[in-house]
Amino acid sequence: MNDPLTPRDRAVLRAVHAGRCRLAGTGSVVLVVDGVACCDQFAAARLVRDGLITAPGGDAPARLTATGRALLVA
């Protein structure tokens, strides 16, 4: 992980854990929370880059990685 988690990052991780998020996009990752695009367009890319959430191809539910789960409970 490159940067410390922000409160927004933790909120996104909680939303992903609750099953409220989807990752969409092929060129850039778009995070959709409860059917609405996340206002922080860089959050998803940062969390994927840091290995905290998965970015499956196409439009699919976001999932926490083992590292993401560990940071969420920490």
PDB file of N, CA and C in Angstrom:
ATOM      1  N   MET A   1       0.841  -1.173   0.000  1.00  0.00           N
ATOM      2  CA  MET A   1       0.000   0.000   0.000  1.00  0.00           C
ATOM      3  C   MET A   1       0.882   1.230   0.000  1.00  0.00           C
ATOM      4  N   ASN A   2       0.543   2.204  -0.841  1.00  0.00           N
ATOM      5  CA  ASN A   2       1.376   3.390  -0.990  1.00  0.00           C
ATOM      6  C   ASN A   2       1.018   4.505  -0.022  1.00  0.00           C
ATOM      7  N   ASP A   3      -0.265   4.729   0.204  1.00  0.00           N
ATOM      8  CA  ASP A   3      -0.721   5.835   1.040  1.00  0.00           C
ATOM      9  C   ASP A   3      -1.549   5.295   2.202  1.00  0.00           C
ATOM     10  N   PRO A   4      -1.586   6.040   3.320  1.00  0.00           N
ATOM     11  CA  PRO A   4      -2.453   5.599   4.415  1.00  0.00           C
ATOM     12  C   PRO A   4      -3.917   5.713   3.991  1.00  0.00           C
ATOM     13  N   LEU A   5      -4.770   4.885   4.583  1.00  0.00           N
ATOM     14  CA  LEU A   5      -6.194   4.939   4.265  1.00  0.00           C
ATOM     15  C   LEU A   5      -6.811   6.225   4.790  1.00  0.00           C
ATOM     16  N   THR A   6      -7.629   6.835   3.966  1.00  0.00           N
ATOM     17  CA  THR A   6      -8.376   8.022   4.384  1.00  0.00           C
ATOM     18  C   THR A   6      -9.722   7.559   4.943  1.00  0.00           C
ATOM     19  N   PRO A   7     -10.428   8.435   5.650  1.00  0.00           N
ATOM     20  CA  PRO A   7     -11.779   8.067   6.098  1.00  0.00           C
ATOM     21  C   PRO A   7     -12.682   7.676   4.919  1.00  0.00           C
ATOM     22  N   ARG A   8     -12.544   8.334   3.783  1.00  0.00           N
ATOM     23  CA  ARG A   8     -13.343   7.974   2.613  1.00  0.00           C
ATOM     24  C   ARG A   8     -12.976   6.574   2.129  1.00  0.00           C
ATOM     25  N   ASP A   9     -11.687   6.247   2.109  1.00  0.00           N
ATOM     26  CA  ASP A   9     -11.259   4.906   1.705  1.00  0.00           C
ATOM     27  C   ASP A   9     -11.903   3.854   2.606  1.00  0.00           C
ATOM     28  N   ARG A  10     -11.901   4.100   3.910  1.00  0.00           N
ATOM     29  CA  ARG A  10     -12.507   3.154   4.849  1.00  0.00           C
ATOM     30  C   ARG A  10     -14.013   3.021   4.594  1.00  0.00           C
ATOM     31  N   ALA A  11     -14.671   4.139   4.275  1.00  0.00           N
ATOM     32  CA  ALA A  11     -16.107   4.103   3.977  1.00  0.00           C
ATOM     33  C   ALA A  11     -16.367   3.268   2.721  1.00  0.00           C
ATOM     34  N   VAL A  12     -15.507   3.418   1.711  1.00  0.00           N
ATOM     35  CA  VAL A  12     -15.660   2.628   0.487  1.00  0.00           C
ATOM     36  C   VAL A  12     -15.439   1.149   0.795  1.00  0.00           C
ATOM     37  N   LEU A  13     -14.432   0.832   1.592  1.00  0.00           N
ATOM     38  CA  LEU A  13     -14.191  -0.564   1.948  1.00  0.00           C
ATOM     39  C   LEU A  13     -15.391  -1.156   2.685  1.00  0.00           C
ATOM     40  N   ARG A  14     -16.000  -0.373   3.580  1.00  0.00           N
ATOM     41  CA  ARG A  14     -17.187  -0.854   4.285  1.00  0.00           C
ATOM     42  C   ARG A  14     -18.344  -1.089   3.312  1.00  0.00           C
ATOM     43  N   ALA A  15     -18.516  -0.185   2.345  1.00  0.00           N
ATOM     44  CA  ALA A  15     -19.582  -0.334   1.353  1.00  0.00           C
ATOM     45  C   ALA A  15     -19.339  -1.556   0.466  1.00  0.00           C
ATOM     46  N   VAL A  16     -18.083  -1.786   0.080  1.00  0.00           N
ATOM     47  CA  VAL A  16     -17.751  -2.971  -0.713  1.00  0.00           C
ATOM     48  C   VAL A  16     -18.059  -4.221   0.103  1.00  0.00           C
ATOM     49  N   HIS A  17     -17.655  -4.226   1.356  1.00  0.00           N
ATOM     50  CA  HIS A  17     -17.904  -5.366   2.241  1.00  0.00           C
ATOM     51  C   HIS A  17     -19.401  -5.647   2.377  1.00  0.00           C
ATOM     52  N   ALA A  18     -20.213  -4.598   2.382  1.00  0.00           N
ATOM     53  CA  ALA A  18     -21.665  -4.743   2.516  1.00  0.00           C
ATOM     54  C   ALA A  18     -22.338  -5.154   1.209  1.00  0.00           C
ATOM     55  N   GLY A  19     -21.564  -5.245   0.125  1.00  0.00           N
ATOM     56  CA  GLY A  19     -22.121  -5.655  -1.158  1.00  0.00           C
ATOM     57  C   GLY A  19     -22.843  -4.547  -1.897  1.00  0.00           C
ATOM     58  N   ARG A  20     -22.525  -3.292  -1.587  1.00  0.00           N
ATOM     59  CA  ARG A  20     -23.209  -2.149  -2.183  1.00  0.00           C
ATOM     60  C   ARG A  20     -22.483  -1.559  -3.376  1.00  0.00           C
ATOM     61  N   CYS A  21     -21.349  -2.140  -3.806  1.00  0.00           N
ATOM     62  CA  CYS A  21     -20.515  -1.519  -4.840  1.00  0.00           C
ATOM     63  C   CYS A  21     -20.316  -2.421  -6.046  1.00  0.00           C
ATOM     64  N   ARG A  22     -20.151  -1.753  -7.180  1.00  0.00           N
ATOM     65  CA  ARG A  22     -19.783  -2.417  -8.429  1.00  0.00           C
ATOM     66  C   ARG A  22     -18.600  -1.655  -9.010  1.00  0.00           C
ATOM     67  N   LEU A  23     -17.764  -2.379  -9.734  1.00  0.00           N
ATOM     68  CA  LEU A  23     -16.671  -1.767 -10.475  1.00  0.00           C
ATOM     69  C   LEU A  23     -17.001  -1.900 -11.952  1.00  0.00           C
ATOM     70  N   ALA A  24     -16.920  -0.810 -12.665  1.00  0.00           N
ATOM     71  CA  ALA A  24     -17.235  -0.809 -14.091  1.00  0.00           C
ATOM     72  C   ALA A  24     -16.102  -0.121 -14.836  1.00  0.00           C
ATOM     73  N   GLY A  25     -16.093  -0.322 -16.134  1.00  0.00           N
ATOM     74  CA  GLY A  25     -15.099   0.360 -16.952  1.00  0.00           C
ATOM     75  C   GLY A  25     -14.004  -0.568 -17.405  1.00  0.00           C
ATOM     76  N   THR A  26     -13.502  -0.263 -18.585  1.00  0.00           N
ATOM     77  CA  THR A  26     -12.406  -1.065 -19.123  1.00  0.00           C
ATOM     78  C   THR A  26     -11.116  -0.259 -19.130  1.00  0.00           C
ATOM     79  N   GLY A  27     -11.192   1.017 -19.478  1.00  0.00           N
ATOM     80  CA  GLY A  27      -9.992   1.852 -19.490  1.00  0.00           C
ATOM     81  C   GLY A  27      -9.664   2.360 -18.104  1.00  0.00           C
ATOM     82  N   SER A  28     -10.625   3.021 -17.485  1.00  0.00           N
ATOM     83  CA  SER A  28     -10.452   3.493 -16.119  1.00  0.00           C
ATOM     84  C   SER A  28     -11.531   2.851 -15.262  1.00  0.00           C
ATOM     85  N   VAL A  29     -11.232   2.636 -14.021  1.00  0.00           N
ATOM     86  CA  VAL A  29     -12.154   1.967 -13.117  1.00  0.00           C
ATOM     87  C   VAL A  29     -13.151   2.992 -12.574  1.00  0.00           C
ATOM     88  N   VAL A  30     -14.430   2.655 -12.659  1.00  0.00           N
ATOM     89  CA  VAL A  30     -15.492   3.508 -12.119  1.00  0.00           C
ATOM     90  C   VAL A  30     -16.152   2.742 -10.976  1.00  0.00           C
ATOM     91  N   LEU A  31     -16.209   3.368  -9.824  1.00  0.00           N
ATOM     92  CA  LEU A  31     -16.842   2.770  -8.661  1.00  0.00           C
ATOM     93  C   LEU A  31     -18.281   3.265  -8.583  1.00  0.00           C
ATOM     94  N   VAL A  32     -19.215   2.328  -8.532  1.00  0.00           N
ATOM     95  CA  VAL A  32     -20.640   2.652  -8.419  1.00  0.00           C
ATOM     96  C   VAL A  32     -21.120   2.139  -7.067  1.00  0.00           C
ATOM     97  N   VAL A  33     -21.650   3.056  -6.245  1.00  0.00           N
ATOM     98  CA  VAL A  33     -22.132   2.719  -4.911  1.00  0.00           C
ATOM     99  C   VAL A  33     -23.639   2.952  -4.883  1.00  0.00           C
ATOM    100  N   ASP A  34     -24.381   1.937  -4.559  1.00  0.00           N
ATOM    101  CA  ASP A  34     -25.847   2.032  -4.519  1.00  0.00           C
ATOM    102  C   ASP A  34     -26.415   2.594  -5.822  1.00  0.00           C
ATOM    103  N   GLY A  35     -25.815   2.234  -6.941  1.00  0.00           N
ATOM    104  CA  GLY A  35     -26.304   2.649  -8.246  1.00  0.00           C
ATOM    105  C   GLY A  35     -25.855   4.023  -8.713  1.00  0.00           C
ATOM    106  N   VAL A  36     -25.030   4.708  -7.924  1.00  0.00           N
ATOM    107  CA  VAL A  36     -24.564   6.054  -8.254  1.00  0.00           C
ATOM    108  C   VAL A  36     -23.035   6.056  -8.307  1.00  0.00           C
ATOM    109  N   ALA A  37     -22.481   6.705  -9.315  1.00  0.00           N
ATOM    110  CA  ALA A  37     -21.019   6.788  -9.423  1.00  0.00           C
ATOM    111  C   ALA A  37     -20.447   7.515  -8.206  1.00  0.00           C
ATOM    112  N   CYS A  38     -19.378   6.988  -7.669  1.00  0.00           N
ATOM    113  CA  CYS A  38     -18.704   7.593  -6.513  1.00  0.00           C
ATOM    114  C   CYS A  38     -18.156   8.962  -6.896  1.00  0.00           C
ATOM    115  N   CYS A  39     -18.320   9.942  -6.011  1.00  0.00           N
ATOM    116  CA  CYS A  39     -17.876  11.308  -6.307  1.00  0.00           C
ATOM    117  C   CYS A  39     -16.352  11.428  -6.370  1.00  0.00           C
ATOM    118  N   ASP A  40     -15.634  10.498  -5.771  1.00  0.00           N
ATOM    119  CA  ASP A  40     -14.172  10.509  -5.809  1.00  0.00           C
ATOM    120  C   ASP A  40     -13.724   9.528  -6.892  1.00  0.00           C
ATOM    121  N   GLN A  41     -13.530  10.040  -8.097  1.00  0.00           N
ATOM    122  CA  GLN A  41     -13.214   9.162  -9.222  1.00  0.00           C
ATOM    123  C   GLN A  41     -11.862   8.469  -9.071  1.00  0.00           C
ATOM    124  N   PHE A  42     -11.044   8.915  -8.154  1.00  0.00           N
ATOM    125  CA  PHE A  42      -9.730   8.302  -7.967  1.00  0.00           C
ATOM    126  C   PHE A  42      -9.729   7.225  -6.882  1.00  0.00           C
ATOM    127  N   ALA A  43     -10.784   7.161  -6.060  1.00  0.00           N
ATOM    128  CA  ALA A  43     -10.815   6.217  -4.943  1.00  0.00           C
ATOM    129  C   ALA A  43     -10.714   4.776  -5.412  1.00  0.00           C
ATOM    130  N   ALA A  44     -11.535   4.405  -6.389  1.00  0.00           N
ATOM    131  CA  ALA A  44     -11.521   3.015  -6.854  1.00  0.00           C
ATOM    132  C   ALA A  44     -10.172   2.642  -7.438  1.00  0.00           C
ATOM    133  N   ALA A  45      -9.627   3.500  -8.282  1.00  0.00           N
ATOM    134  CA  ALA A  45      -8.330   3.205  -8.891  1.00  0.00           C
ATOM    135  C   ALA A  45      -7.248   3.047  -7.822  1.00  0.00           C
ATOM    136  N   ARG A  46      -7.290   3.896  -6.800  1.00  0.00           N
ATOM    137  CA  ARG A  46      -6.296   3.837  -5.725  1.00  0.00           C
ATOM    138  C   ARG A  46      -6.454   2.535  -4.930  1.00  0.00           C
ATOM    139  N   LEU A  47      -7.694   2.150  -4.610  1.00  0.00           N
ATOM    140  CA  LEU A  47      -7.917   0.943  -3.819  1.00  0.00           C
ATOM    141  C   LEU A  47      -7.599  -0.320  -4.614  1.00  0.00           C
ATOM    142  N   VAL A  48      -7.868  -0.296  -5.926  1.00  0.00           N
ATOM    143  CA  VAL A  48      -7.486  -1.424  -6.785  1.00  0.00           C
ATOM    144  C   VAL A  48      -5.970  -1.492  -6.890  1.00  0.00           C
ATOM    145  N   ARG A  49      -5.340  -0.361  -7.144  1.00  0.00           N
ATOM    146  CA  ARG A  49      -3.871  -0.315  -7.278  1.00  0.00           C
ATOM    147  C   ARG A  49      -3.179  -0.829  -6.019  1.00  0.00           C
ATOM    148  N   ASP A  50      -3.738  -0.484  -4.869  1.00  0.00           N
ATOM    149  CA  ASP A  50      -3.134  -0.901  -3.605  1.00  0.00           C
ATOM    150  C   ASP A  50      -3.525  -2.320  -3.197  1.00  0.00           C
ATOM    151  N   GLY A  51      -4.325  -2.996  -4.049  1.00  0.00           N
ATOM    152  CA  GLY A  51      -4.672  -4.390  -3.795  1.00  0.00           C
ATOM    153  C   GLY A  51      -5.694  -4.597  -2.700  1.00  0.00           C
ATOM    154  N   LEU A  52      -6.587  -3.630  -2.486  1.00  0.00           N
ATOM    155  CA  LEU A  52      -7.576  -3.738  -1.416  1.00  0.00           C
ATOM    156  C   LEU A  52      -8.938  -4.201  -1.919  1.00  0.00           C
ATOM    157  N   ILE A  53      -9.261  -3.888  -3.180  1.00  0.00           N
ATOM    158  CA  ILE A  53     -10.485  -4.387  -3.795  1.00  0.00           C
ATOM    159  C   ILE A  53     -10.140  -4.963  -5.160  1.00  0.00           C
ATOM    160  N   THR A  54     -10.980  -5.892  -5.613  1.00  0.00           N
ATOM    161  CA  THR A  54     -10.735  -6.506  -6.908  1.00  0.00           C
ATOM    162  C   THR A  54     -11.465  -5.735  -7.994  1.00  0.00           C
ATOM    163  N   ALA A  55     -10.924  -5.803  -9.186  1.00  0.00           N
ATOM    164  CA  ALA A  55     -11.522  -5.136 -10.338  1.00  0.00           C
ATOM    165  C   ALA A  55     -11.754  -6.170 -11.429  1.00  0.00           C
ATOM    166  N   PRO A  56     -12.823  -6.968 -11.289  1.00  0.00           N
ATOM    167  CA  PRO A  56     -13.085  -7.961 -12.334  1.00  0.00           C
ATOM    168  C   PRO A  56     -13.432  -7.276 -13.641  1.00  0.00           C
ATOM    169  N   GLY A  57     -13.273  -7.974 -14.736  1.00  0.00           N
ATOM    170  CA  GLY A  57     -13.572  -7.383 -16.035  1.00  0.00           C
ATOM    171  C   GLY A  57     -15.048  -7.068 -16.189  1.00  0.00           C
ATOM    172  N   GLY A  58     -15.343  -6.057 -16.976  1.00  0.00           N
ATOM    173  CA  GLY A  58     -16.727  -5.680 -17.221  1.00  0.00           C
ATOM    174  C   GLY A  58     -17.350  -4.984 -16.027  1.00  0.00           C
ATOM    175  N   ASP A  59     -18.649  -5.088 -15.926  1.00  0.00           N
ATOM    176  CA  ASP A  59     -19.401  -4.482 -14.831  1.00  0.00           C
ATOM    177  C   ASP A  59     -19.747  -5.586 -13.852  1.00  0.00           C
ATOM    178  N   ALA A  60     -19.100  -5.586 -12.680  1.00  0.00           N
ATOM    179  CA  ALA A  60     -19.272  -6.680 -11.736  1.00  0.00           C
ATOM    180  C   ALA A  60     -19.202  -6.170 -10.300  1.00  0.00           C
ATOM    181  N   PRO A  61     -19.730  -6.949  -9.351  1.00  0.00           N
ATOM    182  CA  PRO A  61     -19.641  -6.539  -7.952  1.00  0.00           C
ATOM    183  C   PRO A  61     -18.181  -6.387  -7.515  1.00  0.00           C
ATOM    184  N   ALA A  62     -17.918  -5.352  -6.758  1.00  0.00           N
ATOM    185  CA  ALA A  62     -16.581  -5.159  -6.183  1.00  0.00           C
ATOM    186  C   ALA A  62     -16.431  -6.119  -5.014  1.00  0.00           C
ATOM    187  N   ARG A  63     -15.202  -6.576  -4.809  1.00  0.00           N
ATOM    188  CA  ARG A  63     -14.931  -7.495  -3.701  1.00  0.00           C
ATOM    189  C   ARG A  63     -13.664  -7.062  -2.981  1.00  0.00           C
ATOM    190  N   LEU A  64     -13.685  -7.252  -1.673  1.00  0.00           N
ATOM    191  CA  LEU A  64     -12.479  -6.987  -0.887  1.00  0.00           C
ATOM    192  C   LEU A  64     -11.479  -8.111  -1.108  1.00  0.00           C
ATOM    193  N   THR A  65     -10.210  -7.742  -1.135  1.00  0.00           N
ATOM    194  CA  THR A  65      -9.154  -8.753  -1.132  1.00  0.00           C
ATOM    195  C   THR A  65      -8.878  -9.116   0.327  1.00  0.00           C
ATOM    196  N   ALA A  66      -8.044 -10.098   0.542  1.00  0.00           N
ATOM    197  CA  ALA A  66      -7.670 -10.473   1.910  1.00  0.00           C
ATOM    198  C   ALA A  66      -7.026  -9.278   2.622  1.00  0.00           C
ATOM    199  N   THR A  67      -6.200  -8.532   1.899  1.00  0.00           N
ATOM    200  CA  THR A  67      -5.558  -7.342   2.486  1.00  0.00           C
ATOM    201  C   THR A  67      -6.595  -6.288   2.826  1.00  0.00           C
ATOM    202  N   GLY A  68      -7.558  -6.079   1.943  1.00  0.00           N
ATOM    203  CA  GLY A  68      -8.632  -5.113   2.198  1.00  0.00           C
ATOM    204  C   GLY A  68      -9.443  -5.480   3.431  1.00  0.00           C
ATOM    205  N   ARG A  69      -9.759  -6.766   3.560  1.00  0.00           N
ATOM    206  CA  ARG A  69     -10.502  -7.238   4.743  1.00  0.00           C
ATOM    207  C   ARG A  69      -9.693  -7.000   6.020  1.00  0.00           C
ATOM    208  N   ALA A  70      -8.395  -7.296   5.953  1.00  0.00           N
ATOM    209  CA  ALA A  70      -7.540  -7.126   7.136  1.00  0.00           C
ATOM    210  C   ALA A  70      -7.472  -5.665   7.558  1.00  0.00           C
ATOM    211  N   LEU A  71      -7.352  -4.763   6.590  1.00  0.00           N
ATOM    212  CA  LEU A  71      -7.295  -3.336   6.933  1.00  0.00           C
ATOM    213  C   LEU A  71      -8.634  -2.839   7.446  1.00  0.00           C
ATOM    214  N   LEU A  72      -9.713  -3.385   6.942  1.00  0.00           N
ATOM    215  CA  LEU A  72     -11.041  -2.953   7.382  1.00  0.00           C
ATOM    216  C   LEU A  72     -11.287  -3.291   8.843  1.00  0.00           C
ATOM    217  N   VAL A  73     -10.839  -4.449   9.286  1.00  0.00           N
ATOM    218  CA  VAL A  73     -11.062  -4.843  10.681  1.00  0.00           C
ATOM    219  C   VAL A  73     -10.007  -4.270  11.629  1.00  0.00           C
ATOM    220  N   ALA A  74      -8.922  -3.745  11.071  1.00  0.00           N
ATOM    221  CA  ALA A  74      -7.845  -3.197  11.918  1.00  0.00           C
ATOM    222  C   ALA A  74      -8.265  -1.894  12.588  1.00  0.00           C
TER     223      ALA A  74
END
